[in-house]
Protein backbone atom coordinates (compact mmCIF):
# COMPACT_ATOMS: atom_id res chain seq x y z
CA MET A 1 -86.85 28.50 79.14
CA GLU A 2 -87.51 30.64 76.11
CA PHE A 3 -90.62 32.80 75.81
CA PHE A 4 -92.25 34.75 73.00
CA CYS A 5 -93.91 37.99 74.10
CA TYR A 6 -95.87 40.26 71.78
CA HIS A 7 -97.38 43.42 73.27
CA ARG A 8 -100.03 44.84 70.91
CA ASP A 9 -100.54 48.60 71.03
CA ARG A 10 -103.79 50.12 72.15
CA PRO A 11 -105.14 52.42 69.40
CA GLY A 12 -104.14 56.01 70.05
CA SER A 13 -101.26 55.14 72.39
CA LEU A 14 -98.41 56.53 70.24
CA THR A 15 -97.95 59.68 72.34
CA LEU A 16 -97.81 57.61 75.53
CA ARG A 17 -95.27 55.23 73.98
CA GLU A 18 -93.12 58.18 72.92
CA GLU A 19 -93.23 59.58 76.47
CA LEU A 20 -92.16 56.21 77.90
CA VAL A 21 -89.45 55.29 75.38
CA GLU A 22 -86.56 55.76 77.83
CA ASP A 23 -88.42 53.86 80.58
CA HIS A 24 -89.04 51.01 78.10
CA TRP A 25 -85.42 50.87 76.97
CA SER A 26 -84.11 51.06 80.54
CA TYR A 27 -86.40 48.18 81.48
CA MET A 28 -85.19 46.12 78.53
CA ASP A 29 -81.55 46.93 79.39
CA ARG A 30 -82.08 44.88 82.54
CA TYR A 31 -82.75 41.85 80.29
CA ALA A 32 -79.98 42.43 77.72
CA ARG A 33 -78.34 39.04 78.33
CA GLU A 34 -81.65 37.17 78.23
CA LEU A 35 -82.99 38.68 74.99
CA ILE A 36 -83.00 36.49 71.89
CA ALA A 37 -84.82 39.04 69.73
CA ARG A 38 -86.70 42.30 70.11
CA GLY A 39 -88.24 45.06 68.08
CA PRO A 40 -91.33 47.04 67.15
CA THR A 41 -94.02 46.13 64.64
CA PHE A 42 -95.59 48.74 62.38
CA ALA A 43 -98.78 49.51 60.49
CA ALA A 44 -98.82 49.39 56.67
CA ASP A 45 -97.48 52.96 56.55
CA GLY A 46 -94.20 51.63 57.98
CA GLU A 47 -94.10 54.36 60.62
CA THR A 48 -96.95 53.89 63.09
CA PRO A 49 -96.01 51.37 65.83
CA THR A 50 -98.53 48.58 66.39
CA GLY A 51 -96.69 46.46 68.95
CA SER A 52 -93.46 45.25 70.45
CA VAL A 53 -91.88 41.79 70.18
CA HIS A 54 -89.52 40.30 72.77
CA ILE A 55 -88.17 36.78 72.71
CA VAL A 56 -86.44 36.14 75.99
CA ASP A 57 -84.79 33.31 77.93
CA LEU A 58 -86.07 33.31 81.52
CA PRO A 59 -86.13 30.73 84.34
CA ASP A 60 -89.85 29.93 84.35
CA PRO A 61 -93.37 31.05 83.36
CA ALA A 62 -93.70 33.25 86.46
CA ALA A 63 -90.57 35.19 85.47
CA ALA A 64 -91.93 35.53 81.93
CA ARG A 65 -95.24 36.91 83.22
CA ALA A 66 -93.36 39.40 85.40
CA PHE A 67 -91.27 40.43 82.38
CA ALA A 68 -94.37 40.96 80.22
CA PHE A 69 -96.65 42.65 82.73
CA ASP A 70 -94.12 44.81 84.61
CA GLU A 71 -93.00 46.44 81.34
CA PRO A 72 -93.55 50.24 81.61
CA ASN A 73 -95.71 50.61 78.48
CA TYR A 74 -97.96 47.80 79.69
CA GLN A 75 -98.19 49.30 83.17
CA ALA A 76 -99.14 52.70 81.70
CA GLY A 77 -101.87 51.26 79.46
CA ALA A 78 -100.13 51.69 76.08
CA TYR A 79 -100.75 48.06 75.15
CA ARG A 80 -104.11 46.52 74.29
CA ASP A 81 -103.10 42.93 75.02
CA VAL A 82 -100.18 40.57 75.38
CA LEU A 83 -99.46 37.23 73.67
CA LEU A 84 -97.08 35.35 75.96
CA ARG A 85 -96.09 31.75 75.20
CA ARG A 86 -93.24 29.35 75.76
CA TRP A 87 -91.12 29.22 72.64
CA ARG A 88 -88.34 26.99 71.37
CA ASN A 89 -85.40 28.58 69.55
CA ARG A 90 -85.07 26.29 66.50
CA LEU A 91 -82.22 28.38 65.05
CA GLY A 92 -80.14 28.31 68.24
CA ARG A 93 -79.08 31.93 67.87
CA THR A 94 -80.12 35.49 68.66
CA MET A 95 -81.23 38.10 66.15
CA TRP A 96 -77.80 39.70 66.50
CA ASP A 97 -76.29 36.52 65.04
CA PHE A 98 -78.48 36.70 61.92
CA PRO A 99 -76.06 36.51 58.96
CA GLY A 100 -78.03 39.18 57.08
CA GLY A 101 -77.33 41.83 59.72
CA ASP A 102 -79.74 44.36 61.12
CA THR A 103 -80.32 46.43 57.96
CA GLY A 104 -81.32 45.77 54.39
CA GLY A 105 -84.51 44.16 53.17
CA ASP A 106 -87.99 44.05 54.59
CA ARG A 107 -88.51 42.20 57.85
CA TYR A 108 -91.65 40.67 59.29
CA LEU A 109 -93.10 39.05 62.36
CA VAL A 110 -95.14 35.99 61.40
CA ILE A 111 -97.45 34.40 64.00
CA GLY A 112 -99.41 31.26 63.20
CA LEU A 113 -101.93 30.23 65.83
CA GLY A 114 -102.26 26.45 65.97
CA SER A 115 -105.16 24.35 64.88
CA GLY A 116 -104.85 20.62 65.47
CA GLN A 117 -101.67 18.60 65.15
CA PRO A 118 -98.29 20.36 65.44
CA ALA A 119 -96.94 21.85 62.22
CA ASP A 120 -93.74 23.46 61.03
CA LEU A 121 -91.63 22.09 63.86
CA ASP A 122 -88.63 21.74 61.56
CA VAL A 123 -86.83 24.80 60.24
CA PRO A 124 -88.16 25.48 56.72
CA HIS A 125 -86.04 26.05 53.62
CA GLY A 126 -84.65 29.57 53.42
CA ARG A 127 -83.03 29.39 56.85
CA GLY A 128 -80.69 32.18 55.75
CA GLU A 129 -83.68 34.55 55.70
CA LEU A 130 -84.98 33.45 59.10
CA ILE A 131 -83.98 35.75 61.94
CA ALA A 132 -85.81 33.79 64.66
CA TYR A 133 -88.03 30.73 64.37
CA GLY A 134 -89.78 28.36 66.73
CA PRO A 135 -92.98 26.79 68.03
CA LEU A 136 -95.31 28.49 70.48
CA LEU A 137 -95.96 26.12 73.39
CA SER A 138 -98.03 25.74 76.55
CA ASP A 139 -96.38 26.82 79.83
CA ASP A 140 -95.21 23.26 80.49
CA GLY A 141 -93.78 23.00 76.96
CA THR A 142 -95.84 19.93 76.01
CA LEU A 143 -98.66 21.37 73.88
CA TRP A 144 -98.05 23.01 70.48
CA LEU A 145 -100.07 26.23 70.15
CA GLY A 146 -98.57 27.68 66.99
CA THR A 147 -95.37 29.04 65.47
CA ALA A 148 -93.66 32.44 65.55
CA ALA A 149 -90.94 33.66 63.22
CA LEU A 150 -89.00 36.80 62.42
CA VAL A 151 -88.06 36.74 58.76
CA ARG A 152 -86.50 38.87 56.05
CA ALA A 153 -88.62 38.59 52.91
CA PRO A 154 -89.44 40.62 49.80
CA ASP A 155 -93.08 41.11 50.84
CA PRO A 156 -95.69 40.00 53.42
CA GLU A 157 -96.90 37.06 51.31
CA ALA A 158 -93.38 35.65 51.03
CA ALA A 159 -93.03 36.03 54.81
CA ARG A 160 -96.38 34.25 55.34
CA ALA A 161 -95.14 31.36 53.15
CA VAL A 162 -92.70 30.38 55.93
CA LEU A 163 -95.68 28.61 57.55
CA THR A 164 -98.02 25.93 56.17
CA PRO A 165 -101.34 27.85 55.91
CA ALA A 166 -103.77 24.92 56.22
CA ARG A 167 -102.26 23.96 59.59
CA TYR A 168 -103.19 27.20 61.36
CA ALA A 169 -106.41 28.80 62.55
CA GLY A 170 -104.90 32.08 61.38
CA ILE A 171 -101.59 33.60 60.36
CA GLU A 172 -100.66 37.20 61.15
CA VAL A 173 -97.91 39.09 59.34
CA HIS A 174 -96.60 42.37 60.77
CA ASP A 175 -93.90 44.73 59.51
CA TRP A 176 -91.04 44.44 62.02
CA GLU A 177 -87.59 45.87 62.60
CA PHE A 178 -84.63 45.10 64.84
CA GLY A 179 -85.18 46.79 68.18
CA GLY A 180 -83.01 48.37 70.81
CA ARG A 181 -81.65 51.75 71.67
CA ARG A 182 -81.24 54.16 68.77
């Protein structure tokens, strides 16, 4: 089962995150084979971290909750909250398989929180610019709750255009980059 996990930083937690960077990476190393995508999000300045995305393939919702809430930054209070949902990998690949590679161009996390009937279940045009794409689902996988995508785009508005705006209660766009050890 695939899960989307987005840890949002608590304001003022940058120093704590910096202190825990090796603990975070060591924790993620334990999930290297299960990771579909990962990486930090940033404020408009492009430097200040605002969160951490992990898309991971785990056996069940309990394992996903353990993954999300045992993470060292979460345990230490660096994160304000966690969005954890079942997810379906519509591209059938990991971020490391993205044909555009891990450098070049601006990259974004796009999260659309559902409102009503399911939307954007099919992969939109521009698949070559999609790094990861899929619906956010209830724990049992039956209820559509939204859509999450990692996309390379020229600007935030082009990234937002991956989703159909009228079908969502809200759409968030965050600067994002490929994660992992430096």
